[in-house]
N, C-alpha and C. Protein backbone atom coordinates (compact mmCIF):
# COMPACT_ATOMS: atom_id res chain seq x y z
N MET A 1 144.86 117.86 69.14
CA MET A 1 145.47 118.44 68.26
C MET A 1 145.52 119.49 67.65
N ASN A 2 146.57 120.29 67.86
CA ASN A 2 146.94 121.40 67.54
C ASN A 2 147.80 121.55 66.38
N THR A 3 147.31 121.52 65.25
CA THR A 3 148.08 121.58 63.95
C THR A 3 147.53 122.75 62.91
N PRO A 4 148.64 124.04 62.77
CA PRO A 4 148.16 124.90 61.90
C PRO A 4 148.32 124.39 60.45
N LEU A 5 147.39 124.89 59.77
CA LEU A 5 147.02 124.85 58.47
C LEU A 5 147.01 126.02 57.66
N LYS A 6 148.02 125.81 56.36
CA LYS A 6 147.85 127.05 55.62
C LYS A 6 146.81 126.95 54.52
N ILE A 7 146.41 128.31 54.37
CA ILE A 7 145.30 128.44 53.19
C ILE A 7 146.36 128.91 52.03
N THR A 8 145.72 128.19 50.95
CA THR A 8 146.20 127.95 49.90
C THR A 8 145.13 128.32 48.49
N LYS A 9 145.67 129.05 47.49
CA LYS A 9 144.68 129.42 46.86
C LYS A 9 144.68 128.49 45.80
N ILE A 10 143.33 128.24 45.25
CA ILE A 10 142.98 127.19 44.43
C ILE A 10 142.02 127.85 43.39
N GLY A 11 142.72 128.11 42.28
CA GLY A 11 141.58 128.81 41.33
C GLY A 11 141.21 130.30 41.82
N ASN A 12 139.79 130.36 41.73
CA ASN A 12 139.52 131.69 42.44
C ASN A 12 138.98 131.49 43.89
N SER A 13 139.17 130.49 44.35
CA SER A 13 138.92 130.09 45.66
C SER A 13 140.23 129.98 46.58
N ALA A 14 139.82 129.41 48.04
CA ALA A 14 141.07 129.03 48.76
C ALA A 14 140.62 127.59 49.22
N GLY A 15 141.70 126.90 49.67
CA GLY A 15 141.51 125.75 50.56
C GLY A 15 142.58 125.62 51.49
N VAL A 16 142.59 124.25 52.20
CA VAL A 16 143.64 123.85 53.34
C VAL A 16 143.66 122.52 53.09
N ILE A 17 144.94 122.17 53.29
CA ILE A 17 145.23 120.68 52.89
C ILE A 17 145.37 120.11 54.26
N LEU A 18 144.75 118.88 54.54
CA LEU A 18 144.32 118.29 55.70
C LEU A 18 145.51 117.05 55.88
N PRO A 19 145.92 117.16 57.22
CA PRO A 19 146.95 116.03 57.09
C PRO A 19 146.65 114.80 57.17
N LYS A 20 147.08 113.55 57.19
CA LYS A 20 146.67 112.23 57.25
C LYS A 20 146.12 111.97 58.61
N GLU A 21 146.89 112.29 59.61
CA GLU A 21 146.46 112.04 60.97
C GLU A 21 144.92 112.87 61.14
N LEU A 22 144.74 114.18 60.48
CA LEU A 22 143.59 114.66 60.64
C LEU A 22 142.21 114.01 59.91
N LEU A 23 142.88 113.42 58.80
CA LEU A 23 141.94 112.67 57.70
C LEU A 23 141.40 111.27 58.44
N ALA A 24 142.31 110.53 59.01
CA ALA A 24 141.98 109.50 59.67
C ALA A 24 141.25 109.59 60.89
N HIS A 25 141.42 110.99 61.99
CA HIS A 25 140.27 110.85 63.00
C HIS A 25 139.12 111.26 62.25
N LEU A 26 139.16 112.07 61.30
CA LEU A 26 137.30 112.24 60.65
C LEU A 26 136.80 111.21 59.74
N GLN A 27 137.64 109.98 59.61
CA GLN A 27 137.49 108.54 58.97
C GLN A 27 137.28 109.34 57.66
N ALA A 28 137.76 110.16 57.12
CA ALA A 28 137.64 110.41 55.80
C ALA A 28 138.86 110.35 54.80
N ALA A 29 138.49 110.45 53.55
CA ALA A 29 139.70 110.26 52.56
C ALA A 29 139.60 111.22 51.57
N ALA A 30 140.33 111.32 50.69
CA ALA A 30 140.32 112.47 49.34
C ALA A 30 138.98 112.27 48.61
N GLY A 31 138.30 113.06 48.32
CA GLY A 31 136.97 113.08 47.39
C GLY A 31 135.64 112.86 48.11
N ASP A 32 135.85 112.42 49.68
CA ASP A 32 134.85 112.52 50.48
C ASP A 32 134.16 113.69 50.94
N SER A 33 132.79 113.83 51.21
CA SER A 33 132.44 114.90 51.81
C SER A 33 132.48 115.33 53.11
N LEU A 34 132.82 116.75 53.73
CA LEU A 34 132.84 116.71 55.18
C LEU A 34 131.96 117.85 55.52
N SER A 35 131.39 117.89 56.55
CA SER A 35 130.23 118.79 56.99
C SER A 35 130.99 120.13 58.15
N VAL A 36 130.74 121.17 57.59
CA VAL A 36 131.13 122.43 58.58
C VAL A 36 129.86 123.33 59.11
N VAL A 37 130.01 122.94 60.16
CA VAL A 37 128.95 123.47 61.38
C VAL A 37 129.74 124.83 62.25
N LEU A 38 129.15 126.15 62.00
CA LEU A 38 129.61 127.07 62.91
C LEU A 38 129.08 126.86 64.21
N THR A 39 130.12 127.06 65.41
CA THR A 39 129.52 126.64 66.65
C THR A 39 130.17 128.12 67.34
N PRO A 40 129.65 128.37 68.77
CA PRO A 40 130.19 129.28 69.43
C PRO A 40 131.75 129.61 69.61
N ARG A 41 132.38 128.40 69.60
CA ARG A 41 133.74 128.33 69.92
C ARG A 41 134.60 128.36 68.64
N GLY A 42 133.71 128.50 67.59
CA GLY A 42 134.54 128.50 65.92
C GLY A 42 134.19 127.91 65.16
N ILE A 43 134.34 126.66 63.91
CA ILE A 43 133.92 125.68 63.14
C ILE A 43 134.25 124.00 64.04
N GLU A 44 133.27 123.63 63.23
CA GLU A 44 133.22 122.33 63.72
C GLU A 44 133.43 121.34 62.34
N LEU A 45 134.27 120.65 61.99
CA LEU A 45 134.33 119.82 60.66
C LEU A 45 134.22 118.21 61.21
N SER A 46 133.53 117.47 60.33
CA SER A 46 133.25 116.34 60.58
C SER A 46 132.87 115.77 59.19
N ALA A 47 132.94 114.38 59.23
CA ALA A 47 132.74 113.46 57.83
C ALA A 47 131.01 113.76 57.86
N ALA A 48 130.71 113.83 56.47
CA ALA A 48 129.61 114.19 56.44
C ALA A 48 128.90 112.52 56.36
N GLU A 49 127.53 112.56 56.66
CA GLU A 49 126.66 111.39 56.61
C GLU A 49 126.14 111.48 55.53
N PRO A 50 126.24 110.02 54.59
CA PRO A 50 125.99 110.05 53.12
C PRO A 50 124.38 110.25 53.03
N ASP A 51 123.52 109.90 53.77
CA ASP A 51 122.07 109.88 53.73
C ASP A 51 121.60 111.38 54.36
N PHE A 52 122.16 112.24 54.98
CA PHE A 52 121.76 113.52 55.46
C PHE A 52 120.67 114.13 54.50
N ASP A 53 120.80 114.07 53.01
CA ASP A 53 120.31 115.15 52.33
C ASP A 53 119.09 114.34 52.29
N ALA A 54 118.98 113.39 52.19
CA ALA A 54 117.73 112.26 52.22
C ALA A 54 116.77 112.81 53.53
N GLN A 55 117.50 112.40 54.80
CA GLN A 55 116.94 112.80 55.85
C GLN A 55 116.36 114.24 55.76
N MET A 56 117.28 115.17 55.21
CA MET A 56 116.48 116.57 55.27
C MET A 56 115.59 116.52 54.59
N ALA A 57 115.26 115.92 53.34
CA ALA A 57 113.96 116.17 52.59
C ALA A 57 112.83 115.50 53.44
N ALA A 58 112.96 114.28 53.86
CA ALA A 58 111.76 113.81 54.61
C ALA A 58 111.25 114.45 55.60
N ALA A 59 112.27 115.46 56.44
CA ALA A 59 111.83 116.00 57.51
C ALA A 59 111.29 117.32 56.99
N ARG A 60 111.73 117.91 55.78
CA ARG A 60 111.10 119.06 55.49
C ARG A 60 109.38 118.82 55.16
N GLU A 61 109.65 117.37 54.49
CA GLU A 61 108.17 117.24 53.81
C GLU A 61 107.13 117.00 55.03
N VAL A 62 107.70 116.16 56.02
CA VAL A 62 106.90 116.35 57.25
C VAL A 62 106.13 117.52 58.11
N MET A 63 107.33 118.39 57.94
CA MET A 63 107.09 120.06 58.50
C MET A 63 106.40 120.74 57.64
N ALA A 64 106.10 120.57 56.27
CA ALA A 64 105.28 121.24 55.82
C ALA A 64 103.97 120.45 55.81
N ARG A 65 103.55 119.24 55.95
CA ARG A 65 102.48 118.68 56.24
C ARG A 65 101.93 118.80 57.25
N ARG A 66 102.60 119.03 58.50
CA ARG A 66 102.06 119.20 59.62
C ARG A 66 102.62 120.29 60.36
N LYS A 67 102.51 121.67 59.58
CA LYS A 67 103.08 122.84 60.02
C LYS A 67 101.91 123.58 61.31
N ARG A 68 100.69 123.05 61.10
CA ARG A 68 99.57 123.83 62.33
C ARG A 68 100.27 123.12 63.64
N ALA A 69 100.53 122.08 63.54
CA ALA A 69 100.86 121.14 64.76
C ALA A 69 102.16 121.51 64.90
N LEU A 70 102.97 121.84 64.39
CA LEU A 70 104.24 121.82 64.84
C LEU A 70 104.14 123.69 65.40
N ARG A 71 103.40 124.43 64.82
CA ARG A 71 103.60 126.11 65.27
C ARG A 71 102.46 125.87 66.62
N GLU A 72 101.82 124.66 67.07
CA GLU A 72 100.87 124.70 68.37
C GLU A 72 101.92 124.15 69.37
N LEU A 73 102.96 123.17 68.96
CA LEU A 73 103.84 122.93 69.91
C LEU A 73 105.15 123.85 70.07
N ALA A 74 105.21 124.79 69.46
CA ALA A 74 106.28 125.67 69.22
C ALA A 74 105.81 126.58 70.47
N LYS A 75 104.40 126.73 71.01
CA LYS A 75 103.75 127.91 71.66
C LYS A 75 104.47 127.59 73.21
């Protein structure tokens, strides 16, 4: 898919309008959250996982408790 998108001013910010074909491909709808990741080729846009924040909080807790073990494994 190679669809040019126009950047539109929205208050003090800017945004793009995603065509319905792109939203269908992302399996997203208006009001959903999207995840943006910088890659060597540009940016990657994907539907956000609903439990991602909870998973990251659990990972940070484990990393804090096992800091020494992780440091040794990194050597």
